[in-house]
N, C-alpha and C. Protein backbone atom coordinates (compact mmCIF):
# COMPACT_ATOMS: atom_id res chain seq x y z
N MET A 1 -17.69 -6.64 -0.19
CA MET A 1 -17.79 -5.92 -1.41
C MET A 1 -18.57 -4.54 -0.62
N LYS A 2 -17.71 -3.46 -1.16
CA LYS A 2 -18.14 -2.33 -0.52
C LYS A 2 -19.60 -1.22 -1.12
N THR A 3 -19.85 -0.83 -0.16
CA THR A 3 -21.20 -0.25 -0.77
C THR A 3 -21.08 1.31 -0.80
N TYR A 4 -21.33 1.86 -2.26
CA TYR A 4 -21.06 3.49 -2.25
C TYR A 4 -22.39 3.97 -2.59
N LYS A 5 -23.07 5.06 -1.68
CA LYS A 5 -23.96 5.45 -1.86
C LYS A 5 -23.91 6.91 -2.99
N ILE A 6 -24.86 7.22 -4.04
CA ILE A 6 -24.67 7.99 -4.75
C ILE A 6 -26.04 8.99 -4.30
N LYS A 7 -26.20 10.29 -4.71
CA LYS A 7 -27.20 10.95 -4.46
C LYS A 7 -27.87 11.44 -5.68
N LYS A 8 -27.28 11.60 -7.13
CA LYS A 8 -28.16 11.49 -8.34
C LYS A 8 -27.66 10.83 -9.55
N LEU A 9 -28.17 10.52 -10.39
CA LEU A 9 -27.49 10.10 -11.55
C LEU A 9 -27.63 11.19 -12.94
N PHE A 10 -26.38 10.82 -13.66
CA PHE A 10 -26.42 11.76 -14.64
C PHE A 10 -26.30 11.39 -15.77
N LEU A 11 -27.31 11.39 -16.92
CA LEU A 11 -28.01 10.51 -17.60
C LEU A 11 -28.03 9.42 -17.75
N GLY A 12 -28.49 9.17 -16.67
CA GLY A 12 -29.30 7.54 -16.37
C GLY A 12 -27.74 7.12 -15.70
N HIS A 13 -26.90 7.52 -15.43
CA HIS A 13 -25.59 7.12 -15.13
C HIS A 13 -25.36 7.32 -13.82
N ALA A 14 -24.61 6.58 -12.94
CA ALA A 14 -23.92 6.33 -11.55
C ALA A 14 -23.00 6.90 -11.97
N SER A 15 -22.34 7.49 -11.30
CA SER A 15 -20.83 8.06 -11.35
C SER A 15 -19.96 7.36 -10.07
N ILE A 16 -18.68 6.93 -10.27
CA ILE A 16 -17.60 6.69 -9.11
C ILE A 16 -16.75 7.19 -9.67
N ARG A 17 -15.75 7.74 -7.91
CA ARG A 17 -15.02 8.60 -8.35
C ARG A 17 -14.02 7.63 -8.63
N SER A 18 -12.65 7.97 -9.15
CA SER A 18 -11.56 6.80 -9.78
C SER A 18 -10.93 6.20 -8.85
N HIS A 19 -10.72 7.36 -7.76
CA HIS A 19 -9.86 6.33 -6.67
C HIS A 19 -10.73 5.36 -5.78
N ILE A 20 -12.02 5.38 -5.79
CA ILE A 20 -12.59 4.17 -5.57
C ILE A 20 -12.83 3.02 -6.45
N VAL A 21 -12.97 3.46 -7.15
CA VAL A 21 -12.96 2.24 -8.85
C VAL A 21 -11.55 1.83 -8.59
N LYS A 22 -10.64 2.37 -8.32
CA LYS A 22 -9.02 1.84 -8.49
C LYS A 22 -9.03 0.99 -7.50
N LYS A 23 -9.24 1.20 -6.03
CA LYS A 23 -9.10 0.81 -4.78
C LYS A 23 -10.24 -0.52 -4.59
N GLN A 24 -11.28 -0.62 -5.31
CA GLN A 24 -12.06 -1.82 -5.65
C GLN A 24 -11.21 -3.01 -6.43
N LEU A 25 -10.66 -2.26 -7.13
CA LEU A 25 -9.99 -3.25 -8.59
C LEU A 25 -8.88 -3.69 -8.05
N ASP A 26 -7.92 -2.95 -7.29
CA ASP A 26 -6.64 -3.50 -6.49
C ASP A 26 -7.01 -4.34 -5.56
N LYS A 27 -8.12 -4.21 -4.99
CA LYS A 27 -8.67 -5.78 -4.25
C LYS A 27 -9.19 -6.77 -5.06
N ASN A 28 -9.65 -6.79 -6.36
CA ASN A 28 -10.11 -8.20 -7.21
C ASN A 28 -11.56 -7.96 -6.90
N GLU A 29 -12.07 -6.75 -6.51
CA GLU A 29 -13.70 -6.97 -5.98
C GLU A 29 -14.67 -5.68 -7.06
N GLY A 30 -15.58 -6.64 -6.72
CA GLY A 30 -16.78 -5.25 -7.26
C GLY A 30 -17.10 -4.23 -6.72
N ILE A 31 -18.46 -3.63 -6.65
CA ILE A 31 -18.75 -2.73 -6.07
C ILE A 31 -20.51 -2.61 -6.01
N VAL A 32 -20.91 -2.16 -4.69
CA VAL A 32 -22.63 -2.06 -4.84
C VAL A 32 -23.04 -0.68 -5.03
N ILE A 33 -23.70 0.03 -5.77
CA ILE A 33 -23.74 1.40 -5.78
C ILE A 33 -25.31 1.31 -5.30
N ASP A 34 -25.36 1.88 -4.41
CA ASP A 34 -26.60 2.51 -3.44
C ASP A 34 -27.33 4.04 -3.93
N TYR A 35 -28.46 3.87 -4.68
CA TYR A 35 -29.00 5.16 -4.91
C TYR A 35 -30.41 4.97 -4.76
N ASN A 36 -30.97 6.19 -3.92
CA ASN A 36 -32.44 6.05 -3.17
C ASN A 36 -33.12 4.61 -2.91
N GLU A 37 -32.06 3.85 -2.01
CA GLU A 37 -32.54 2.90 -1.59
C GLU A 37 -32.10 1.40 -2.57
N ARG A 38 -32.21 1.92 -3.72
CA ARG A 38 -32.43 1.05 -4.93
C ARG A 38 -30.48 0.22 -4.97
N LYS A 39 -30.36 -0.62 -5.40
CA LYS A 39 -28.83 -1.30 -5.09
C LYS A 39 -28.59 -1.66 -6.77
N MET A 40 -27.57 -1.63 -7.08
CA MET A 40 -26.86 -2.05 -8.28
C MET A 40 -25.48 -2.97 -8.22
N THR A 41 -25.52 -4.31 -8.13
CA THR A 41 -24.11 -4.68 -8.06
C THR A 41 -23.44 -4.90 -9.22
N LEU A 42 -22.41 -4.47 -9.06
CA LEU A 42 -21.39 -4.60 -10.52
C LEU A 42 -20.08 -5.50 -9.89
N SER A 43 -20.12 -6.49 -10.78
CA SER A 43 -18.79 -7.13 -10.46
C SER A 43 -17.62 -6.56 -10.81
N TYR A 44 -16.32 -7.62 -10.92
CA TYR A 44 -15.15 -6.75 -11.02
C TYR A 44 -15.11 -6.70 -12.04
N GLU A 45 -15.55 -7.75 -13.50
CA GLU A 45 -15.10 -7.14 -14.83
C GLU A 45 -16.05 -6.12 -15.17
N GLN A 46 -17.28 -6.07 -14.49
CA GLN A 46 -18.01 -4.90 -15.00
C GLN A 46 -17.54 -3.59 -14.78
N LEU A 47 -16.98 -3.66 -13.28
CA LEU A 47 -16.19 -2.12 -12.63
C LEU A 47 -14.95 -1.86 -13.68
N LYS A 48 -14.46 -2.87 -14.19
CA LYS A 48 -13.47 -2.60 -15.29
C LYS A 48 -13.85 -1.99 -16.57
N LYS A 49 -15.10 -2.20 -17.05
CA LYS A 49 -15.52 -1.44 -18.06
C LYS A 49 -16.36 -0.39 -18.15
N GLY A 50 -16.05 0.41 -16.82
CA GLY A 50 -16.69 1.94 -16.35
C GLY A 50 -16.27 2.47 -17.36
N LYS A 51 -17.06 3.37 -18.02
CA LYS A 51 -16.84 4.72 -18.90
C LYS A 51 -16.81 5.74 -18.38
N GLN A 52 -15.85 6.64 -18.94
CA GLN A 52 -15.61 8.11 -18.86
C GLN A 52 -16.46 9.09 -19.53
N LEU A 53 -17.93 9.11 -19.37
CA LEU A 53 -18.31 10.32 -20.18
C LEU A 53 -17.90 11.51 -20.18
N THR A 54 -17.31 11.83 -19.33
CA THR A 54 -16.55 13.28 -19.32
C THR A 54 -14.57 13.23 -19.21
N ARG A 55 -14.10 13.78 -19.71
CA ARG A 55 -12.77 13.40 -19.09
C ARG A 55 -12.26 14.82 -18.09
N GLU A 56 -13.02 15.04 -17.77
CA GLU A 56 -13.05 16.31 -16.99
C GLU A 56 -12.37 15.94 -15.54
N GLU A 57 -11.36 16.60 -15.00
CA GLU A 57 -11.00 16.14 -13.71
C GLU A 57 -11.50 17.02 -12.53
N PHE A 58 -11.81 16.45 -11.32
CA PHE A 58 -12.56 17.55 -10.23
C PHE A 58 -11.30 17.35 -8.86
N GLN A 59 -11.59 18.51 -8.48
CA GLN A 59 -10.93 18.69 -6.94
C GLN A 59 -11.56 18.57 -6.13
N SER A 60 -11.08 17.51 -4.91
CA SER A 60 -11.77 17.15 -3.93
C SER A 60 -12.21 18.48 -3.13
N LYS A 61 -13.40 18.68 -2.66
CA LYS A 61 -13.41 20.00 -1.60
C LYS A 61 -12.76 19.67 -0.26
N PHE A 62 -12.48 18.52 0.21
CA PHE A 62 -11.80 18.07 1.22
C PHE A 62 -10.39 17.83 1.31
N ASN A 63 -9.45 17.74 0.44
CA ASN A 63 -8.09 17.91 0.42
C ASN A 63 -7.58 18.19 -1.34
N ASP A 64 -6.52 18.28 -1.16
CA ASP A 64 -6.02 18.69 -2.52
C ASP A 64 -6.04 17.49 -3.91
N LYS A 65 -6.56 16.13 -3.36
CA LYS A 65 -6.89 14.98 -4.66
C LYS A 65 -7.48 15.78 -5.43
N VAL A 66 -7.08 15.21 -7.08
CA VAL A 66 -7.98 15.21 -8.08
C VAL A 66 -8.49 13.94 -8.67
N TYR A 67 -9.20 14.18 -9.18
CA TYR A 67 -10.12 12.53 -9.12
C TYR A 67 -11.05 13.03 -11.06
N GLU A 68 -11.38 11.85 -11.23
CA GLU A 68 -12.19 11.85 -12.74
C GLU A 68 -13.54 10.62 -12.18
N LEU A 69 -14.63 10.85 -13.37
CA LEU A 69 -15.50 9.91 -12.77
C LEU A 69 -15.61 8.83 -13.60
N TYR A 70 -16.31 7.68 -13.07
CA TYR A 70 -16.48 6.63 -13.86
C TYR A 70 -18.12 6.40 -14.19
N ASP A 71 -18.55 6.09 -15.13
CA ASP A 71 -19.81 6.09 -15.33
C ASP A 71 -20.25 4.87 -15.76
N PHE A 72 -21.66 4.39 -15.02
CA PHE A 72 -22.05 3.01 -15.26
C PHE A 72 -24.02 3.31 -15.22
N ILE A 73 -24.15 2.67 -16.50
CA ILE A 73 -25.53 2.86 -16.29
C ILE A 73 -26.35 2.03 -15.31
N PHE A 74 -27.16 3.04 -14.43
CA PHE A 74 -27.56 2.63 -13.62
C PHE A 74 -29.27 1.71 -13.76
N VAL A 75 -29.00 0.12 -13.52
CA VAL A 75 -30.02 -0.56 -13.50
C VAL A 75 -29.91 -1.53 -11.98
N PRO A 76 -30.86 -1.14 -11.24
CA PRO A 76 -31.32 -1.64 -9.92
C PRO A 76 -31.01 -3.25 -10.09
N ASP A 77 -30.69 -4.19 -9.20
CA ASP A 77 -30.32 -5.37 -9.27
C ASP A 77 -31.76 -6.07 -9.43
N GLU A 78 -33.15 -5.67 -8.99
CA GLU A 78 -34.06 -6.36 -9.23
C GLU A 78 -34.67 -5.97 -10.94
N MET A 79 -34.28 -5.08 -11.53
CA MET A 79 -34.70 -4.79 -12.47
C MET A 79 -33.62 -5.52 -13.68
N ASN A 80 -32.47 -5.82 -13.28
CA ASN A 80 -31.35 -6.33 -13.84
C ASN A 80 -31.80 -7.89 -14.21
N LYS A 81 -32.48 -8.55 -12.78
CA LYS A 81 -32.82 -9.78 -13.33
C LYS A 81 -34.07 -9.99 -13.92
N GLU A 82 -35.09 -8.93 -14.23
CA GLU A 82 -35.87 -9.15 -15.11
C GLU A 82 -35.85 -9.19 -16.64
N ILE A 83 -34.39 -8.26 -16.66
CA ILE A 83 -33.70 -8.08 -18.27
C ILE A 83 -32.94 -9.55 -18.34
N ILE A 84 -32.71 -10.26 -17.69
CA ILE A 84 -31.91 -11.50 -17.70
C ILE A 84 -33.16 -12.39 -18.24
N LYS A 85 -34.24 -12.42 -17.72
CA LYS A 85 -35.53 -13.38 -17.94
C LYS A 85 -35.67 -13.07 -19.21
N MET A 86 -35.67 -11.46 -19.73
CA MET A 86 -36.05 -11.48 -20.92
C MET A 86 -34.87 -11.73 -21.87
N ARG A 87 -34.16 -11.83 -21.99
CA ARG A 87 -33.00 -12.11 -22.62
C ARG A 87 -33.17 -13.74 -22.70
N ASN A 88 -33.64 -14.32 -21.80
CA ASN A 88 -33.53 -15.97 -22.10
C ASN A 88 -34.98 -16.13 -22.89
N VAL A 89 -35.86 -15.46 -22.85
CA VAL A 89 -37.08 -15.43 -23.41
C VAL A 89 -37.01 -15.07 -24.67
N SER A 90 -35.97 -14.24 -25.13
CA SER A 90 -35.45 -13.54 -26.57
C SER A 90 -35.35 -14.88 -27.35
N LYS A 91 -34.32 -15.64 -26.69
CA LYS A 91 -33.84 -16.56 -27.42
C LYS A 91 -35.17 -17.58 -27.79
N ASP A 92 -36.07 -17.74 -27.29
CA ASP A 92 -37.59 -18.65 -27.57
C ASP A 92 -38.08 -17.81 -28.69
N ILE A 93 -38.31 -16.41 -28.63
CA ILE A 93 -38.79 -15.68 -29.37
C ILE A 93 -38.02 -15.33 -30.98
N LYS A 94 -36.81 -15.87 -30.73
CA LYS A 94 -36.08 -16.24 -32.09
C LYS A 94 -36.72 -17.17 -33.21
N ASP A 95 -36.61 -17.98 -32.32
CA ASP A 95 -37.59 -19.50 -33.00
C ASP A 95 -39.08 -19.26 -33.44
N LYS A 96 -39.64 -18.56 -32.62
CA LYS A 96 -41.03 -18.26 -32.77
C LYS A 96 -41.46 -17.26 -33.67
N LYS A 97 -40.26 -16.28 -33.91
CA LYS A 97 -40.37 -14.90 -34.76
C LYS A 97 -40.24 -15.72 -36.02
N LEU A 98 -39.37 -16.63 -36.46
CA LEU A 98 -39.20 -17.68 -37.62
C LEU A 98 -40.55 -18.04 -38.12
N GLN A 99 -40.99 -18.66 -36.95
CA GLN A 99 -42.47 -19.44 -37.53
C GLN A 99 -43.20 -18.43 -37.95
N LEU A 100 -43.41 -17.50 -36.92
CA LEU A 100 -44.63 -16.18 -37.39
C LEU A 100 -44.44 -15.81 -38.51
N GLU A 101 -43.24 -15.47 -38.92
CA GLU A 101 -42.53 -14.78 -40.51
C GLU A 101 -43.44 -15.58 -41.51
N THR A 102 -42.91 -17.13 -41.18
CA THR A 102 -43.32 -18.17 -42.28
C THR A 102 -44.88 -17.82 -42.20
N ASP A 103 -45.78 -17.91 -41.41
CA ASP A 103 -47.22 -18.23 -41.20
C ASP A 103 -47.59 -16.90 -41.56
N LEU A 104 -47.13 -15.97 -41.08
CA LEU A 104 -47.46 -14.69 -41.81
C LEU A 104 -47.38 -14.16 -43.17
N ARG A 105 -45.97 -14.57 -43.87
CA ARG A 105 -45.93 -14.57 -45.02
C ARG A 105 -47.34 -15.27 -45.90
N PHE A 106 -47.44 -16.55 -45.67
CA PHE A 106 -48.60 -17.29 -46.04
C PHE A 106 -49.67 -16.67 -45.99
N PHE A 107 -50.31 -16.15 -45.05
CA PHE A 107 -51.53 -15.31 -44.67
C PHE A 107 -51.61 -14.23 -45.45
N LEU A 108 -50.49 -13.52 -45.52
CA LEU A 108 -50.37 -12.02 -46.58
C LEU A 108 -50.60 -12.66 -48.17
N LYS A 109 -50.02 -13.73 -48.50
CA LYS A 109 -50.15 -14.06 -49.50
C LYS A 109 -51.68 -14.68 -50.02
N LYS A 110 -52.20 -15.18 -49.17
CA LYS A 110 -53.56 -15.85 -49.25
C LYS A 110 -54.60 -14.60 -49.07
N PHE A 111 -54.32 -13.52 -48.43
CA PHE A 111 -55.23 -12.47 -48.23
C PHE A 111 -55.19 -11.56 -49.47
N SER A 112 -53.73 -11.40 -50.15
CA SER A 112 -53.61 -10.42 -51.32
C SER A 112 -54.40 -11.01 -52.63
N GLU A 113 -54.56 -12.63 -52.19
CA GLU A 113 -55.00 -13.22 -53.41
C GLU A 113 -56.57 -12.79 -53.52
N GLU A 114 -57.08 -13.12 -52.08
CA GLU A 114 -58.42 -13.29 -52.09
C GLU A 114 -59.18 -11.60 -52.17
N THR A 115 -58.19 -10.63 -51.92
CA THR A 115 -59.07 -9.62 -51.58
C THR A 115 -58.38 -8.21 -53.15
N GLY A 116 -56.95 -8.55 -53.22
CA GLY A 116 -56.43 -8.01 -54.52
C GLY A 116 -55.91 -6.57 -53.55
N LEU A 117 -55.73 -6.80 -52.14
CA LEU A 117 -55.40 -5.64 -51.72
C LEU A 117 -53.84 -6.08 -51.57
N ILE A 118 -53.00 -4.73 -51.38
CA ILE A 118 -51.33 -5.35 -50.89
C ILE A 118 -51.03 -5.06 -49.57
N ALA A 119 -50.56 -5.86 -49.11
CA ALA A 119 -50.67 -5.98 -47.55
C ALA A 119 -48.94 -6.24 -47.54
N LYS A 120 -48.30 -5.48 -46.37
CA LYS A 120 -46.83 -5.23 -46.12
C LYS A 120 -46.50 -5.56 -44.70
N VAL A 121 -45.85 -6.24 -44.19
CA VAL A 121 -45.36 -6.26 -42.89
C VAL A 121 -44.39 -5.61 -42.35
N ILE A 122 -44.39 -4.72 -41.33
CA ILE A 122 -43.67 -4.18 -41.01
C ILE A 122 -43.11 -4.29 -39.62
N GLN A 123 -41.84 -4.89 -39.48
CA GLN A 123 -41.11 -5.29 -37.75
C GLN A 123 -40.15 -4.16 -37.53
N GLU A 124 -40.52 -4.19 -36.31
CA GLU A 124 -39.46 -3.22 -35.52
C GLU A 124 -38.74 -3.58 -34.20
N PRO A 125 -37.55 -3.95 -33.81
CA PRO A 125 -37.26 -4.47 -32.86
C PRO A 125 -37.50 -3.66 -31.66
N VAL A 126 -37.82 -4.45 -30.57
CA VAL A 126 -37.87 -3.67 -29.22
C VAL A 126 -36.94 -4.09 -28.23
N TYR A 127 -36.31 -3.07 -27.39
CA TYR A 127 -35.49 -3.44 -26.91
C TYR A 127 -35.53 -3.07 -25.41
N ALA A 128 -34.55 -3.58 -24.09
CA ALA A 128 -34.69 -3.31 -22.95
C ALA A 128 -33.80 -2.24 -22.68
N TYR A 129 -34.34 -1.71 -21.58
CA TYR A 129 -33.10 -0.46 -21.46
C TYR A 129 -31.62 -0.62 -21.33
N GLY A 130 -30.88 -0.07 -21.75
CA GLY A 130 -29.36 -0.69 -21.80
C GLY A 130 -29.12 -1.71 -22.56
N GLU A 131 -29.83 -2.22 -23.47
CA GLU A 131 -29.31 -3.53 -24.15
C GLU A 131 -29.17 -3.41 -25.46
N LYS A 132 -28.37 -4.05 -26.08
CA LYS A 132 -28.22 -3.66 -27.62
C LYS A 132 -28.63 -4.96 -28.64
N ASP A 133 -29.28 -5.86 -28.13
CA ASP A 133 -30.07 -6.93 -28.60
C ASP A 133 -31.66 -6.79 -28.50
N PRO A 134 -32.16 -6.95 -29.56
CA PRO A 134 -33.87 -6.54 -29.27
C PRO A 134 -34.36 -7.99 -28.20
N ILE A 135 -35.26 -7.64 -27.47
CA ILE A 135 -35.82 -8.84 -26.76
C ILE A 135 -37.21 -9.30 -27.33
N GLY A 136 -37.45 -8.80 -28.28
CA GLY A 136 -38.71 -9.14 -29.27
C GLY A 136 -38.93 -8.08 -30.42
N TYR A 137 -40.31 -8.27 -31.12
CA TYR A 137 -40.37 -7.28 -32.12
C TYR A 137 -41.66 -7.27 -32.05
N LEU A 138 -42.17 -5.89 -32.59
CA LEU A 138 -43.36 -5.16 -32.89
C LEU A 138 -43.99 -5.53 -34.44
N VAL A 139 -45.00 -6.31 -34.45
CA VAL A 139 -45.28 -6.60 -36.16
C VAL A 139 -46.43 -5.63 -36.30
N THR A 140 -46.28 -5.19 -37.48
CA THR A 140 -47.32 -4.14 -38.04
C THR A 140 -47.90 -5.00 -39.33
N VAL A 141 -49.45 -5.02 -39.70
CA VAL A 141 -49.64 -5.15 -40.94
C VAL A 141 -49.92 -3.53 -41.63
N GLU A 142 -49.68 -3.45 -42.63
CA GLU A 142 -50.10 -2.36 -43.29
C GLU A 142 -50.61 -2.79 -44.83
N VAL A 143 -52.17 -2.20 -44.89
CA VAL A 143 -52.86 -2.79 -46.04
C VAL A 143 -53.11 -1.26 -46.82
N LYS A 144 -52.67 -1.48 -48.17
CA LYS A 144 -53.00 -0.25 -49.14
C LYS A 144 -54.09 -0.84 -49.64
N VAL A 145 -55.00 0.58 -49.83
CA VAL A 145 -56.59 -0.18 -50.29
C VAL A 145 -56.22 0.85 -51.79
């Protein structure tokens, strides 16, 4: 697998020239992106899903070739392992969340009956960087006096 060094990120994305992406795809291989000694490994499948944040074409400084940039959210391998762990934990969290909701409803009903105060539960999803599914929930109980 080829290692491709980059010097900077654009909006948190690593940009790779189109001819390099095409060459790796032609070889049915992924690529390792090296940014500041932190590496991110992209599989062949992930490489195929690269997005273009800009449709602009760039002129090479060294020859007459023109290229586009393919962009990938830069998530170093060590951080990606943590996200995978969190994703596994989130399945367990969903089950626990259901139990927590039931317990919380019971507690708040009891609380309201005993105090006469109205309590409301506010749930906000918590996301890991670059993930579309929540890894957990922040639960706040608001009491109106």
